[in-house]
Each structure stands twice: as C-alpha cells, then as structure tokens.
Amino acid sequence: MTHPLVVGVDGSDGSLPALDWAVDEAARREVPLRVIYASLWERYEGSAPAFGPDRPEDAGLADQVVAAARHRAELRAPDVAVDAVVVPDDAVSALLEEAHQAAALVTGASGRGALAGLLLGSVGLSLAGRAHCPVIVVRGGQRTVRGECGRVLVGVGDAEECAAAVRFALYEAGLRHCELEAARAWRCSRHLSGDDSTHRNEERALAALDEALDGPAREHPAIQVRRTTAEGPAHKVLVEASATADLLVVGAVRHRSRVGFQLGRVSHAVLHHAACPVAVVPHE
C-alpha cells in the first residue's frame, strides 16, 4: 500500500506555503496527497481563512477551507490524487492519528490567531516532538521554500539519532537530483587549544561523518555527498547553513518506553530558527 503525504491546513497564510510544498513533494514522490482540516480550530481561531471565499458561517467554514485547498492543489499538480477531509478533532490529535498511515506529515510554521507571530506554532512543534513518521515544517524565504538552492542539508550528530535522518536526506536529495551536504559540528575543549587540537577535532568529526554515511551513501551512488565540519554549537552551524538549502534534515530519537514530547535541543532550535523547511525524522 502506498502511504499518502499528509498536510494540515487551517486557512491561514502560514498554511499556504505548506500546502504548496506538500503538493510538490507528493508529485516528486508520486504518492497521493491527503489534506486535513481539523474542525476544532473553529472554536478558538477568529480570523478569516487566507484562501477561498469570505468567511462563511462557522458551520460551513471547514468545507470551504478543504474545498479551496483541494482546488489549489489540483491546479498546482493535476496528476496528484488529492483527498481533502474535515476531521472533528484538534489539529495535533488529528495529525498524530494520520501519522500512523502517512509517508510524512507537512505543516506550516505558524497558524492563524493570536499566537501566529511566535517563532514556531505549537502544532508544528508538537508534531515534531511526538509523531512516529517524518514531520516537515515549512518555513524560510521564497528561494528555500521553492527549492531553488539545489542542496539538501543533513545534521549528523549521535549515530543512534542520525541513522534514519541520513537515509531520509539521501532519499530527498535523490528526488530533487541535487547535492547532499552532511554537516557535523565540533567543540574545542577548554583545556586544549591551538592548531593541533583543531586538527584532531576536525579529524574526529570527519570520521563520524564517514561512519554515518558509509553504508547509506553506497545505496545512492548517483548522489554527490559533501562532508563539512565546523566549530561551534550544532544548532548555530545548521541554522547558518540552512540559508542556502532547500531542506534541512535532523533526527529525533523516539523511546518506546516513554510517552509525550521527545525532541532534542538541536532539533528544537532549528525548528524555530532555520531559514529553510525542516524535516524531523524519528528513529525508534
């Protein structure tokens, strides 16, 4: 069975780039697109949708939003099968339920309502920290959102955390026929300094990159992989590099023995500050 790509919409300006990005991604993957509108948004969101007709009565708002979203998606990619539905639940619960049968979840960086100006909306953050499928939060400028940079970036941290992320990043680079940059940050010890220390740290970082990429990269021989290392906090290194990437991929460990929010500091930071769409790929 082919799992669909799932995108959440709420009629806001923030959900339009997410919808368009998801349509393009579904076309690249040649999979169906499932558009979800969580109708409980109506209970606490007071602004009118950004697309479709003027705000109707609350009883018909959901149908108007999904109809407009379906129409927009079909115009953008006529060959993509689109299923747009209303789910009588809150956004996080509805999309987490969809995650069980989704290739990936796609959401915007913020929604409508009073909290739309925050760095990242609560829906995107909750999904990234809890879903058991990849979650893509669409953020950044027009060039990166439109995929005009020709580069996928993956952050390589601990081996356990990055294994699934590396494979996902290679897959995405293959879909886009572009380069993959694998980046690893390193920090110099307070007790060591000088050129020798820098050289040793860079060598360790490159060795970690080789270990993480060795097997997966052999499975994708046509993809050019560039290994980069940089001194500094990992989230700052990745945020800076994201300015010229079409997608930043990071990993997240999901422990089956735990429940609730599970998201590392680096993933949390790039979701708030990256200059391009961010994919959080869970590894159980």
C-alpha atoms as a PDB file:
ATOM      1  CA  MET A   1       0.000   0.000   0.000  1.00  0.00           C
ATOM      2  CA  THR A   2       1.230   3.486  -0.886  1.00  0.00           C
ATOM      3  CA  HIS A   3       1.087   5.789   2.104  1.00  0.00           C
ATOM      4  CA  PRO A   4      -0.033   9.342   1.321  1.00  0.00           C
ATOM      5  CA  LEU A   5       1.732  12.545   2.180  1.00  0.00           C
ATOM      6  CA  VAL A   6      -0.409  14.350   4.754  1.00  0.00           C
ATOM      7  CA  VAL A   7      -0.627  18.128   5.102  1.00  0.00           C
ATOM      8  CA  GLY A   8      -2.557  20.087   7.709  1.00  0.00           C
ATOM      9  CA  VAL A   9      -4.318  23.299   6.657  1.00  0.00           C
ATOM     10  CA  ASP A  10      -6.242  25.873   8.646  1.00  0.00           C
ATOM     11  CA  GLY A  11      -6.952  28.539   6.040  1.00  0.00           C
ATOM     12  CA  SER A  12      -4.150  30.784   7.306  1.00  0.00           C
ATOM     13  CA  ASP A  13      -1.358  32.477   5.378  1.00  0.00           C
ATOM     14  CA  GLY A  14       1.073  30.120   7.100  1.00  0.00           C
ATOM     15  CA  SER A  15      -0.626  27.028   5.719  1.00  0.00           C
ATOM     16  CA  LEU A  16      -0.462  28.139   2.066  1.00  0.00           C
ATOM     17  CA  PRO A  17       3.310  27.550   1.621  1.00  0.00           C
ATOM     18  CA  ALA A  18       2.921  24.253   3.475  1.00  0.00           C
ATOM     19  CA  LEU A  19       0.131  23.157   1.138  1.00  0.00           C
ATOM     20  CA  ASP A  20       2.094  24.136  -1.976  1.00  0.00           C
ATOM     21  CA  TRP A  21       5.239  22.454  -0.657  1.00  0.00           C
ATOM     22  CA  ALA A  22       3.296  19.277   0.102  1.00  0.00           C
ATOM     23  CA  VAL A  23       1.759  19.228  -3.391  1.00  0.00           C
ATOM     24  CA  ASP A  24       5.202  19.485  -4.975  1.00  0.00           C
ATOM     25  CA  GLU A  25       6.574  16.804  -2.659  1.00  0.00           C
ATOM     26  CA  ALA A  26       3.707  14.435  -3.452  1.00  0.00           C
ATOM     27  CA  ALA A  27       4.385  14.964  -7.148  1.00  0.00           C
ATOM     28  CA  ARG A  28       8.091  14.186  -6.667  1.00  0.00           C
ATOM     29  CA  ARG A  29       7.297  11.052  -4.696  1.00  0.00           C
ATOM     30  CA  GLU A  30       4.404  10.054  -6.979  1.00  0.00           C
ATOM     31  CA  VAL A  31       2.140   9.453  -3.978  1.00  0.00           C
ATOM     32  CA  PRO A  32      -1.356  10.707  -3.089  1.00  0.00           C
ATOM     33  CA  LEU A  33      -1.839  13.858  -1.041  1.00  0.00           C
ATOM     34  CA  ARG A  34      -4.189  13.913   1.928  1.00  0.00           C
ATOM     35  CA  VAL A  35      -5.265  17.362   3.139  1.00  0.00           C
ATOM     36  CA  ILE A  36      -6.536  17.570   6.719  1.00  0.00           C
ATOM     37  CA  TYR A  37      -8.568  20.354   8.259  1.00  0.00           C
ATOM     38  CA  ALA A  38      -9.106  19.879  11.997  1.00  0.00           C
ATOM     39  CA  SER A  39     -12.513  21.409  12.605  1.00  0.00           C
ATOM     40  CA  LEU A  40     -11.941  22.174  16.287  1.00  0.00           C
ATOM     41  CA  TRP A  41      -9.758  25.065  15.083  1.00  0.00           C
ATOM     42  CA  GLU A  42     -13.062  26.865  14.546  1.00  0.00           C
ATOM     43  CA  ARG A  43     -13.666  27.048  18.264  1.00  0.00           C
ATOM     44  CA  TYR A  44     -10.737  29.299  19.076  1.00  0.00           C
ATOM     45  CA  GLU A  45      -9.498  30.831  15.828  1.00  0.00           C
ATOM     46  CA  GLY A  46     -11.331  34.013  14.998  1.00  0.00           C
ATOM     47  CA  SER A  47      -9.724  35.239  11.763  1.00  0.00           C
ATOM     48  CA  ALA A  48     -10.953  34.513   8.271  1.00  0.00           C
ATOM     49  CA  PRO A  49      -9.149  31.996   6.044  1.00  0.00           C
ATOM     50  CA  ALA A  50      -6.493  33.346   3.697  1.00  0.00           C
ATOM     51  CA  PHE A  51      -7.866  31.484   0.683  1.00  0.00           C
ATOM     52  CA  GLY A  52     -11.328  30.652  -0.550  1.00  0.00           C
ATOM     53  CA  PRO A  53     -14.370  32.920  -0.199  1.00  0.00           C
ATOM     54  CA  ASP A  54     -15.022  35.331   2.640  1.00  0.00           C
ATOM     55  CA  ARG A  55     -15.582  33.686   5.993  1.00  0.00           C
ATOM     56  CA  PRO A  56     -18.944  31.884   5.948  1.00  0.00           C
ATOM     57  CA  GLU A  57     -20.911  30.835   8.965  1.00  0.00           C
ATOM     58  CA  ASP A  58     -18.870  28.636  11.295  1.00  0.00           C
ATOM     59  CA  ALA A  59     -20.836  25.550  10.293  1.00  0.00           C
ATOM     60  CA  GLY A  60     -19.539  25.830   6.724  1.00  0.00           C
ATOM     61  CA  LEU A  61     -16.026  27.148   7.298  1.00  0.00           C
ATOM     62  CA  ALA A  62     -14.398  23.725   7.301  1.00  0.00           C
ATOM     63  CA  ASP A  63     -15.976  22.696   3.996  1.00  0.00           C
ATOM     64  CA  GLN A  64     -14.935  25.974   2.402  1.00  0.00           C
ATOM     65  CA  VAL A  65     -11.326  25.586   3.544  1.00  0.00           C
ATOM     66  CA  VAL A  66     -10.910  21.993   2.320  1.00  0.00           C
ATOM     67  CA  ALA A  67     -12.621  22.774  -0.998  1.00  0.00           C
ATOM     68  CA  ALA A  68     -10.292  25.720  -1.588  1.00  0.00           C
ATOM     69  CA  ALA A  69      -7.268  23.642  -0.581  1.00  0.00           C
ATOM     70  CA  ARG A  70      -8.250  20.796  -2.904  1.00  0.00           C
ATOM     71  CA  HIS A  71      -8.771  23.214  -5.788  1.00  0.00           C
ATOM     72  CA  ARG A  72      -5.411  24.885  -5.187  1.00  0.00           C
ATOM     73  CA  ALA A  73      -3.617  21.525  -5.061  1.00  0.00           C
ATOM     74  CA  GLU A  74      -5.277  20.207  -8.217  1.00  0.00           C
ATOM     75  CA  LEU A  75      -4.371  23.351 -10.144  1.00  0.00           C
ATOM     76  CA  ARG A  76      -0.743  23.094  -9.000  1.00  0.00           C
ATOM     77  CA  ALA A  77      -0.280  19.388  -9.789  1.00  0.00           C
ATOM     78  CA  PRO A  78      -3.139  17.852 -11.813  1.00  0.00           C
ATOM     79  CA  ASP A  79      -1.519  14.398 -11.745  1.00  0.00           C
ATOM     80  CA  VAL A  80      -1.505  14.175  -7.930  1.00  0.00           C
ATOM     81  CA  ALA A  81      -4.506  12.405  -6.379  1.00  0.00           C
ATOM     82  CA  VAL A  82      -5.883  14.726  -3.687  1.00  0.00           C
ATOM     83  CA  ASP A  83      -8.121  13.725  -0.797  1.00  0.00           C
ATOM     84  CA  ALA A  84      -9.209  16.667   1.377  1.00  0.00           C
ATOM     85  CA  VAL A  85     -11.199  15.939   4.509  1.00  0.00           C
ATOM     86  CA  VAL A  86     -12.541  17.543   7.679  1.00  0.00           C
ATOM     87  CA  VAL A  87     -11.627  15.798  10.931  1.00  0.00           C
ATOM     88  CA  PRO A  88     -13.682  16.647  14.047  1.00  0.00           C
ATOM     89  CA  ASP A  89     -10.701  16.929  16.365  1.00  0.00           C
ATOM     90  CA  ASP A  90      -7.962  19.334  17.389  1.00  0.00           C
ATOM     91  CA  ALA A  91      -5.082  19.756  14.961  1.00  0.00           C
ATOM     92  CA  VAL A  92      -2.396  17.890  16.902  1.00  0.00           C
ATOM     93  CA  SER A  93      -4.577  14.878  17.706  1.00  0.00           C
ATOM     94  CA  ALA A  94      -5.923  14.681  14.161  1.00  0.00           C
ATOM     95  CA  LEU A  95      -2.497  14.795  12.519  1.00  0.00           C
ATOM     96  CA  LEU A  96      -0.875  12.413  15.001  1.00  0.00           C
ATOM     97  CA  GLU A  97      -3.613   9.909  14.177  1.00  0.00           C
ATOM     98  CA  GLU A  98      -2.934  10.412  10.460  1.00  0.00           C
ATOM     99  CA  ALA A  99       0.776   9.795  11.088  1.00  0.00           C
ATOM    100  CA  HIS A 100       0.159   6.076  11.561  1.00  0.00           C
ATOM    101  CA  GLN A 101      -0.600   5.722   7.826  1.00  0.00           C
ATOM    102  CA  ALA A 102       1.382   8.650   6.407  1.00  0.00           C
ATOM    103  CA  ALA A 103       4.616   8.797   4.448  1.00  0.00           C
ATOM    104  CA  ALA A 104       5.235  12.112   6.228  1.00  0.00           C
ATOM    105  CA  LEU A 105       3.364  14.988   7.853  1.00  0.00           C
ATOM    106  CA  VAL A 106       3.685  18.532   6.494  1.00  0.00           C
ATOM    107  CA  THR A 107       2.678  21.655   8.395  1.00  0.00           C
ATOM    108  CA  GLY A 108       3.282  25.376   8.300  1.00  0.00           C
ATOM    109  CA  ALA A 109       5.468  27.245  10.744  1.00  0.00           C
ATOM    110  CA  SER A 110       2.557  29.164  12.278  1.00  0.00           C
ATOM    111  CA  GLY A 111      -1.205  29.308  12.170  1.00  0.00           C
ATOM    112  CA  ARG A 112      -3.868  31.968  12.397  1.00  0.00           C
ATOM    113  CA  GLY A 113      -4.906  33.520  15.642  1.00  0.00           C
ATOM    114  CA  ALA A 114      -3.136  35.472  18.370  1.00  0.00           C
ATOM    115  CA  LEU A 115      -0.105  33.184  18.577  1.00  0.00           C
ATOM    116  CA  ALA A 116       0.774  33.293  14.875  1.00  0.00           C
ATOM    117  CA  GLY A 117       3.750  35.579  15.465  1.00  0.00           C
ATOM    118  CA  LEU A 118       5.709  33.103  17.558  1.00  0.00           C
ATOM    119  CA  LEU A 119       8.858  31.523  16.121  1.00  0.00           C
ATOM    120  CA  LEU A 120       7.090  28.217  15.601  1.00  0.00           C
ATOM    121  CA  GLY A 121       3.451  27.408  16.196  1.00  0.00           C
ATOM    122  CA  SER A 122       2.501  24.869  18.840  1.00  0.00           C
ATOM    123  CA  VAL A 123       1.061  22.456  16.259  1.00  0.00           C
ATOM    124  CA  GLY A 124       4.315  22.077  14.325  1.00  0.00           C
ATOM    125  CA  LEU A 125       6.377  21.740  17.486  1.00  0.00           C
ATOM    126  CA  SER A 126       4.047  19.147  18.995  1.00  0.00           C
ATOM    127  CA  LEU A 127       4.036  17.047  15.844  1.00  0.00           C
ATOM    128  CA  ALA A 128       7.828  17.170  15.508  1.00  0.00           C
ATOM    129  CA  GLY A 129       8.224  16.015  19.105  1.00  0.00           C
ATOM    130  CA  ARG A 130       5.657  13.223  19.073  1.00  0.00           C
ATOM    131  CA  ALA A 131       4.948  11.816  15.595  1.00  0.00           C
ATOM    132  CA  HIS A 132       6.344   8.443  14.570  1.00  0.00           C
ATOM    133  CA  CYS A 133       6.790   9.446  10.937  1.00  0.00           C
ATOM    134  CA  PRO A 134       8.863  12.273   9.436  1.00  0.00           C
ATOM    135  CA  VAL A 135       7.461  15.755  10.076  1.00  0.00           C
ATOM    136  CA  ILE A 136       8.288  18.625   7.728  1.00  0.00           C
ATOM    137  CA  VAL A 137       7.741  22.166   8.991  1.00  0.00           C
ATOM    138  CA  VAL A 138       7.685  24.541   6.034  1.00  0.00           C
ATOM    139  CA  ARG A 139       9.499  27.757   6.906  1.00  0.00           C
ATOM    140  CA  GLY A 140      12.045  30.102   5.328  1.00  0.00           C
ATOM    141  CA  GLY A 141      12.185  32.534   2.434  1.00  0.00           C
ATOM    142  CA  GLN A 142      10.787  32.091  -1.048  1.00  0.00           C
ATOM    143  CA  ARG A 143      14.032  30.740  -2.519  1.00  0.00           C
ATOM    144  CA  THR A 144      14.455  27.953   0.025  1.00  0.00           C
ATOM    145  CA  VAL A 145      10.763  27.051   0.191  1.00  0.00           C
ATOM    146  CA  ARG A 146      10.575  26.828  -3.585  1.00  0.00           C
ATOM    147  CA  GLY A 147      13.624  24.550  -3.660  1.00  0.00           C
ATOM    148  CA  GLU A 148      15.861  26.795  -5.750  1.00  0.00           C
ATOM    149  CA  CYS A 149      19.134  26.179  -3.879  1.00  0.00           C
ATOM    150  CA  GLY A 150      19.856  22.714  -5.237  1.00  0.00           C
ATOM    151  CA  ARG A 151      21.028  21.296  -1.921  1.00  0.00           C
ATOM    152  CA  VAL A 152      19.686  19.136   0.898  1.00  0.00           C
ATOM    153  CA  LEU A 153      21.392  19.560   4.279  1.00  0.00           C
ATOM    154  CA  VAL A 154      21.516  16.905   6.999  1.00  0.00           C
ATOM    155  CA  GLY A 155      22.804  17.368  10.512  1.00  0.00           C
ATOM    156  CA  VAL A 156      24.893  14.418  11.660  1.00  0.00           C
ATOM    157  CA  GLY A 157      25.003  14.022  15.426  1.00  0.00           C
ATOM    158  CA  ASP A 158      24.959  10.857  17.514  1.00  0.00           C
ATOM    159  CA  ALA A 159      24.925   7.670  15.443  1.00  0.00           C
ATOM    160  CA  GLU A 160      21.665   6.475  17.017  1.00  0.00           C
ATOM    161  CA  GLU A 161      19.873   9.747  16.328  1.00  0.00           C
ATOM    162  CA  CYS A 162      21.057  10.383  12.783  1.00  0.00           C
ATOM    163  CA  ALA A 163      20.732   6.962  11.099  1.00  0.00           C
ATOM    164  CA  ALA A 164      17.168   7.443   9.868  1.00  0.00           C
ATOM    165  CA  ALA A 165      17.786  11.128   9.129  1.00  0.00           C
ATOM    166  CA  VAL A 166      20.724  10.343   6.831  1.00  0.00           C
ATOM    167  CA  ARG A 167      18.669   7.851   4.824  1.00  0.00           C
ATOM    168  CA  PHE A 168      15.772  10.295   4.577  1.00  0.00           C
ATOM    169  CA  ALA A 169      18.111  13.085   3.433  1.00  0.00           C
ATOM    170  CA  LEU A 170      19.644  10.877   0.744  1.00  0.00           C
ATOM    171  CA  TYR A 171      16.174   9.948  -0.454  1.00  0.00           C
ATOM    172  CA  GLU A 172      15.153  13.615  -0.642  1.00  0.00           C
ATOM    173  CA  ALA A 173      18.337  14.576  -2.472  1.00  0.00           C
ATOM    174  CA  GLY A 174      17.628  11.803  -4.958  1.00  0.00           C
ATOM    175  CA  LEU A 175      14.092  13.082  -5.552  1.00  0.00           C
ATOM    176  CA  ARG A 176      15.471  16.552  -6.243  1.00  0.00           C
ATOM    177  CA  HIS A 177      18.522  15.378  -8.243  1.00  0.00           C
ATOM    178  CA  CYS A 178      20.701  17.602  -6.091  1.00  0.00           C
ATOM    179  CA  GLU A 179      23.696  17.517  -3.771  1.00  0.00           C
ATOM    180  CA  LEU A 180      23.552  16.334  -0.180  1.00  0.00           C
ATOM    181  CA  GLU A 181      25.626  18.202   2.370  1.00  0.00           C
ATOM    182  CA  ALA A 182      26.263  16.301   5.597  1.00  0.00           C
ATOM    183  CA  ALA A 183      27.337  18.644   8.379  1.00  0.00           C
ATOM    184  CA  ARG A 184      28.793  17.894  11.791  1.00  0.00           C
ATOM    185  CA  ALA A 185      29.722  20.456  14.424  1.00  0.00           C
ATOM    186  CA  TRP A 186      32.531  20.082  16.932  1.00  0.00           C
ATOM    187  CA  ARG A 187      33.567  21.982  20.034  1.00  0.00           C
ATOM    188  CA  CYS A 188      37.110  22.542  21.232  1.00  0.00           C
ATOM    189  CA  SER A 189      37.832  21.537  24.806  1.00  0.00           C
ATOM    190  CA  ARG A 190      38.516  24.367  27.244  1.00  0.00           C
ATOM    191  CA  HIS A 191      41.769  22.648  28.194  1.00  0.00           C
ATOM    192  CA  LEU A 192      43.044  22.291  24.639  1.00  0.00           C
ATOM    193  CA  SER A 193      43.844  24.929  22.059  1.00  0.00           C
ATOM    194  CA  GLY A 194      45.995  25.557  19.024  1.00  0.00           C
ATOM    195  CA  ASP A 195      46.259  24.072  15.559  1.00  0.00           C
ATOM    196  CA  ASP A 196      46.866  20.515  16.762  1.00  0.00           C
ATOM    197  CA  SER A 197      43.666  20.497  18.793  1.00  0.00           C
ATOM    198  CA  THR A 198      41.660  21.938  15.892  1.00  0.00           C
ATOM    199  CA  HIS A 199      43.081  19.345  13.528  1.00  0.00           C
ATOM    200  CA  ARG A 200      42.253  16.467  15.894  1.00  0.00           C
ATOM    201  CA  ASN A 201      38.682  17.682  16.369  1.00  0.00           C
ATOM    202  CA  GLU A 202      38.157  18.066  12.647  1.00  0.00           C
ATOM    203  CA  GLU A 203      39.506  14.568  12.052  1.00  0.00           C
ATOM    204  CA  ARG A 204      37.124  13.127  14.658  1.00  0.00           C
ATOM    205  CA  ALA A 205      34.201  14.975  13.084  1.00  0.00           C
ATOM    206  CA  LEU A 206      35.089  13.713   9.604  1.00  0.00           C
ATOM    207  CA  ALA A 207      35.439  10.168  10.935  1.00  0.00           C
ATOM    208  CA  ALA A 208      31.968  10.423  12.475  1.00  0.00           C
ATOM    209  CA  LEU A 209      30.595  11.634   9.144  1.00  0.00           C
ATOM    210  CA  ASP A 210      32.233   8.741   7.313  1.00  0.00           C
ATOM    211  CA  GLU A 211      30.759   6.265   9.799  1.00  0.00           C
ATOM    212  CA  ALA A 212      27.247   7.708   9.467  1.00  0.00           C
ATOM    213  CA  LEU A 213      27.329   7.987   5.671  1.00  0.00           C
ATOM    214  CA  ASP A 214      29.314   4.930   4.624  1.00  0.00           C
ATOM    215  CA  GLY A 215      26.516   2.383   4.223  1.00  0.00           C
ATOM    216  CA  PRO A 216      23.625   4.669   3.222  1.00  0.00           C
ATOM    217  CA  ALA A 217      25.668   6.605   0.652  1.00  0.00           C
ATOM    218  CA  ARG A 218      26.656   3.362  -1.103  1.00  0.00           C
ATOM    219  CA  GLU A 219      22.935   2.698  -1.600  1.00  0.00           C
ATOM    220  CA  HIS A 220      22.661   6.003  -3.519  1.00  0.00           C
ATOM    221  CA  PRO A 221      25.806   6.110  -5.665  1.00  0.00           C
ATOM    222  CA  ALA A 222      24.422   8.763  -8.014  1.00  0.00           C
ATOM    223  CA  ILE A 223      24.092  11.369  -5.266  1.00  0.00           C
ATOM    224  CA  GLN A 224      27.005  13.705  -4.672  1.00  0.00           C
ATOM    225  CA  VAL A 225      27.678  13.885  -0.934  1.00  0.00           C
ATOM    226  CA  ARG A 226      29.705  16.726   0.533  1.00  0.00           C
ATOM    227  CA  ARG A 227      31.030  16.370   4.075  1.00  0.00           C
ATOM    228  CA  THR A 228      31.541  19.554   6.097  1.00  0.00           C
ATOM    229  CA  THR A 229      32.658  20.188   9.647  1.00  0.00           C
ATOM    230  CA  ALA A 230      32.535  23.402  11.653  1.00  0.00           C
ATOM    231  CA  GLU A 231      33.426  24.542  15.128  1.00  0.00           C
ATOM    232  CA  GLY A 232      30.531  25.755  17.255  1.00  0.00           C
ATOM    233  CA  PRO A 233      27.168  24.729  18.673  1.00  0.00           C
ATOM    234  CA  ALA A 234      25.406  22.323  16.319  1.00  0.00           C
ATOM    235  CA  HIS A 235      22.192  24.316  16.073  1.00  0.00           C
ATOM    236  CA  LYS A 236      24.062  27.503  15.107  1.00  0.00           C
ATOM    237  CA  VAL A 237      26.087  25.675  12.466  1.00  0.00           C
ATOM    238  CA  LEU A 238      22.939  24.185  10.934  1.00  0.00           C
ATOM    239  CA  VAL A 239      20.906  27.392  11.080  1.00  0.00           C
ATOM    240  CA  GLU A 240      23.656  29.284   9.278  1.00  0.00           C
ATOM    241  CA  ALA A 241      23.989  26.585   6.612  1.00  0.00           C
ATOM    242  CA  SER A 242      20.214  26.397   6.141  1.00  0.00           C
ATOM    243  CA  ALA A 243      20.195  29.774   4.382  1.00  0.00           C
ATOM    244  CA  THR A 244      21.298  28.052   1.163  1.00  0.00           C
ATOM    245  CA  ALA A 245      19.455  24.729   1.500  1.00  0.00           C
ATOM    246  CA  ASP A 246      16.119  23.514   0.169  1.00  0.00           C
ATOM    247  CA  LEU A 247      15.609  21.223   3.150  1.00  0.00           C
ATOM    248  CA  LEU A 248      17.321  20.696   6.496  1.00  0.00           C
ATOM    249  CA  VAL A 249      17.023  17.170   7.895  1.00  0.00           C
ATOM    250  CA  VAL A 250      17.619  16.331  11.559  1.00  0.00           C
ATOM    251  CA  GLY A 251      16.975  13.220  13.602  1.00  0.00           C
ATOM    252  CA  ALA A 252      14.979  12.580  16.751  1.00  0.00           C
ATOM    253  CA  VAL A 253      15.086   9.500  18.951  1.00  0.00           C
ATOM    254  CA  ARG A 254      11.744   8.007  19.990  1.00  0.00           C
ATOM    255  CA  HIS A 255      11.925   5.768  23.067  1.00  0.00           C
ATOM    256  CA  ARG A 256       9.008   3.347  23.153  1.00  0.00           C
ATOM    257  CA  SER A 257       9.214   3.242  26.943  1.00  0.00           C
ATOM    258  CA  ARG A 258       8.400   6.973  27.098  1.00  0.00           C
ATOM    259  CA  VAL A 259       5.315   8.935  26.170  1.00  0.00           C
ATOM    260  CA  GLY A 260       4.802  12.555  25.232  1.00  0.00           C
ATOM    261  CA  PHE A 261       7.162  15.092  23.758  1.00  0.00           C
ATOM    262  CA  GLN A 262      10.563  13.757  22.632  1.00  0.00           C
ATOM    263  CA  LEU A 263      12.733  16.277  20.804  1.00  0.00           C
ATOM    264  CA  GLY A 264      16.404  17.085  21.229  1.00  0.00           C
ATOM    265  CA  ARG A 265      17.841  20.557  21.742  1.00  0.00           C
ATOM    266  CA  VAL A 266      19.288  20.824  18.237  1.00  0.00           C
ATOM    267  CA  SER A 267      16.031  19.816  16.536  1.00  0.00           C
ATOM    268  CA  HIS A 268      14.079  22.173  18.786  1.00  0.00           C
ATOM    269  CA  ALA A 269      16.378  25.089  17.919  1.00  0.00           C
ATOM    270  CA  VAL A 270      16.414  24.605  14.142  1.00  0.00           C
ATOM    271  CA  LEU A 271      12.633  24.297  14.047  1.00  0.00           C
ATOM    272  CA  HIS A 272      12.489  27.809  15.489  1.00  0.00           C
ATOM    273  CA  HIS A 273      15.336  29.450  13.581  1.00  0.00           C
ATOM    274  CA  ALA A 274      16.168  27.624  10.322  1.00  0.00           C
ATOM    275  CA  ALA A 275      15.959  29.577   7.078  1.00  0.00           C
ATOM    276  CA  CYS A 276      14.515  26.655   5.100  1.00  0.00           C
ATOM    277  CA  PRO A 277      11.963  23.848   5.573  1.00  0.00           C
ATOM    278  CA  VAL A 278      12.963  21.442   8.345  1.00  0.00           C
ATOM    279  CA  ALA A 279      12.347  17.685   8.368  1.00  0.00           C
ATOM    280  CA  VAL A 280      12.468  15.938  11.753  1.00  0.00           C
ATOM    281  CA  VAL A 281      12.955  12.218  11.176  1.00  0.00           C
ATOM    282  CA  PRO A 282      12.278   9.912  14.136  1.00  0.00           C
ATOM    283  CA  HIS A 283      14.404   6.886  14.940  1.00  0.00           C
ATOM    284  CA  GLU A 284      12.954   4.321  17.316  1.00  0.00           C
END
